[in-house]
Amino acid sequence: MAEKLDNSARDSAISQLDGWGLVEGRDAIAKTFVFPDFNAAFGFMSRVALKAEAMDHHPEWFNVWNKVDVKLSTHDAGGLTALDMELAAFMDRLT
């Protein structure tokens, strides 16, 4: 089981990500990705889904046309873990 990051490790990891921010009232991070069209957004989601499945770590997300809203938190750890940071960095590298 992944261990929850302490505040210092969490803040340090978030500072290395592009455009991710803390979710108010939760130990989670969020980002909205905007693409040229639905095809690009869906392609992004498909590539992330393959990585998430390989990690056994799945995002909370919502898609409307060219936007993908993502929230990451490790539910069984009760907050943010290195898995969330790894998946967020992967998403950043795709865009």
Protein backbone atom coordinates (compact mmCIF):
# COMPACT_ATOMS: atom_id res chain seq x y z
CA MET A 1 0.00 0.00 0.00
CA ALA A 2 1.24 3.48 -0.87
CA GLU A 3 1.97 5.81 2.02
CA LYS A 4 0.42 9.24 2.30
CA LEU A 5 2.88 12.09 1.70
CA ASP A 6 3.55 14.46 4.57
CA ASN A 7 2.88 18.16 3.92
CA SER A 8 6.49 18.98 3.06
CA ALA A 9 6.87 16.11 0.58
CA ARG A 10 3.46 16.89 -0.91
CA ASP A 11 4.26 20.57 -1.42
CA SER A 12 7.67 19.77 -2.90
CA ALA A 13 6.18 17.26 -5.35
CA ILE A 14 3.37 19.63 -6.43
CA SER A 15 5.89 22.39 -7.09
CA GLN A 16 7.53 20.16 -9.71
CA LEU A 17 4.25 19.66 -11.60
CA ASP A 18 2.83 22.00 -14.23
CA GLY A 19 -0.44 23.66 -13.28
CA TRP A 20 -1.67 21.22 -10.63
CA GLY A 21 -3.23 22.62 -7.48
CA LEU A 22 -4.63 21.37 -4.21
CA VAL A 23 -8.34 20.60 -4.03
CA GLU A 24 -10.10 22.56 -1.30
CA GLY A 25 -11.36 20.32 1.50
CA ARG A 26 -9.50 17.22 0.28
CA ASP A 27 -5.97 15.87 0.21
CA ALA A 28 -6.00 15.76 -3.59
CA ILE A 29 -4.62 17.62 -6.59
CA ALA A 30 -6.49 18.77 -9.68
CA LYS A 31 -5.87 20.14 -13.15
CA THR A 32 -7.93 20.91 -16.23
CA PHE A 33 -6.42 19.89 -19.55
CA VAL A 34 -7.69 21.66 -22.67
CA PHE A 35 -7.20 20.17 -26.15
CA PRO A 36 -7.97 21.35 -29.67
CA ASP A 37 -10.95 18.99 -29.99
CA PHE A 38 -12.69 15.91 -28.63
CA ASN A 39 -10.45 13.49 -30.52
CA ALA A 40 -7.33 14.90 -28.86
CA ALA A 41 -8.98 14.85 -25.41
CA PHE A 42 -10.14 11.28 -25.85
CA GLY A 43 -6.71 10.20 -27.11
CA PHE A 44 -5.14 11.72 -24.00
CA MET A 45 -7.61 9.87 -21.78
CA SER A 46 -6.90 6.59 -23.59
CA ARG A 47 -3.14 6.92 -23.09
CA VAL A 48 -3.62 7.83 -19.42
CA ALA A 49 -6.00 4.89 -18.96
CA LEU A 50 -3.31 2.45 -20.13
CA LYS A 51 -0.78 3.91 -17.69
CA ALA A 52 -3.31 4.04 -14.85
CA GLU A 53 -4.26 0.41 -15.38
CA ALA A 54 -0.60 -0.63 -15.39
CA MET A 55 -0.11 1.29 -12.11
CA ASP A 56 -3.41 0.02 -10.67
CA HIS A 57 -4.04 3.67 -9.81
CA HIS A 58 -7.01 5.35 -11.42
CA PRO A 59 -7.87 9.03 -11.75
CA GLU A 60 -11.14 10.76 -11.03
CA TRP A 61 -11.94 12.59 -14.22
CA PHE A 62 -14.65 14.28 -16.20
CA ASN A 63 -14.65 15.01 -19.92
CA VAL A 64 -16.72 17.43 -21.96
CA TRP A 65 -15.70 17.89 -25.59
CA ASN A 66 -12.11 19.26 -25.48
CA LYS A 67 -11.65 19.49 -21.70
CA VAL A 68 -10.57 16.84 -19.22
CA ASP A 69 -10.85 17.71 -15.51
CA VAL A 70 -8.65 15.44 -13.40
CA LYS A 71 -8.43 14.87 -9.65
CA LEU A 72 -5.85 12.58 -8.10
CA SER A 73 -5.77 11.12 -4.61
CA THR A 74 -4.98 7.67 -3.27
CA HIS A 75 -8.20 6.62 -1.58
CA ASP A 76 -6.84 3.66 0.37
CA ALA A 77 -4.05 5.88 1.79
CA GLY A 78 -6.44 8.69 2.66
CA GLY A 79 -4.69 11.32 0.55
CA LEU A 80 -1.86 12.11 -1.80
CA THR A 81 0.91 9.59 -2.40
CA ALA A 82 3.84 9.19 -4.77
CA LEU A 83 1.45 7.33 -7.10
CA ASP A 84 -0.56 10.52 -7.61
CA MET A 85 2.55 12.52 -8.36
CA GLU A 86 3.79 9.89 -10.81
CA LEU A 87 0.48 9.82 -12.68
CA ALA A 88 0.25 13.64 -12.74
CA ALA A 89 3.80 13.90 -14.14
CA PHE A 90 2.92 11.31 -16.80
CA MET A 91 -0.13 13.36 -17.81
CA ASP A 92 2.00 16.50 -18.01
CA ARG A 93 4.52 14.74 -20.26
CA LEU A 94 1.72 13.77 -22.66
CA THR A 95 0.65 17.37 -23.22
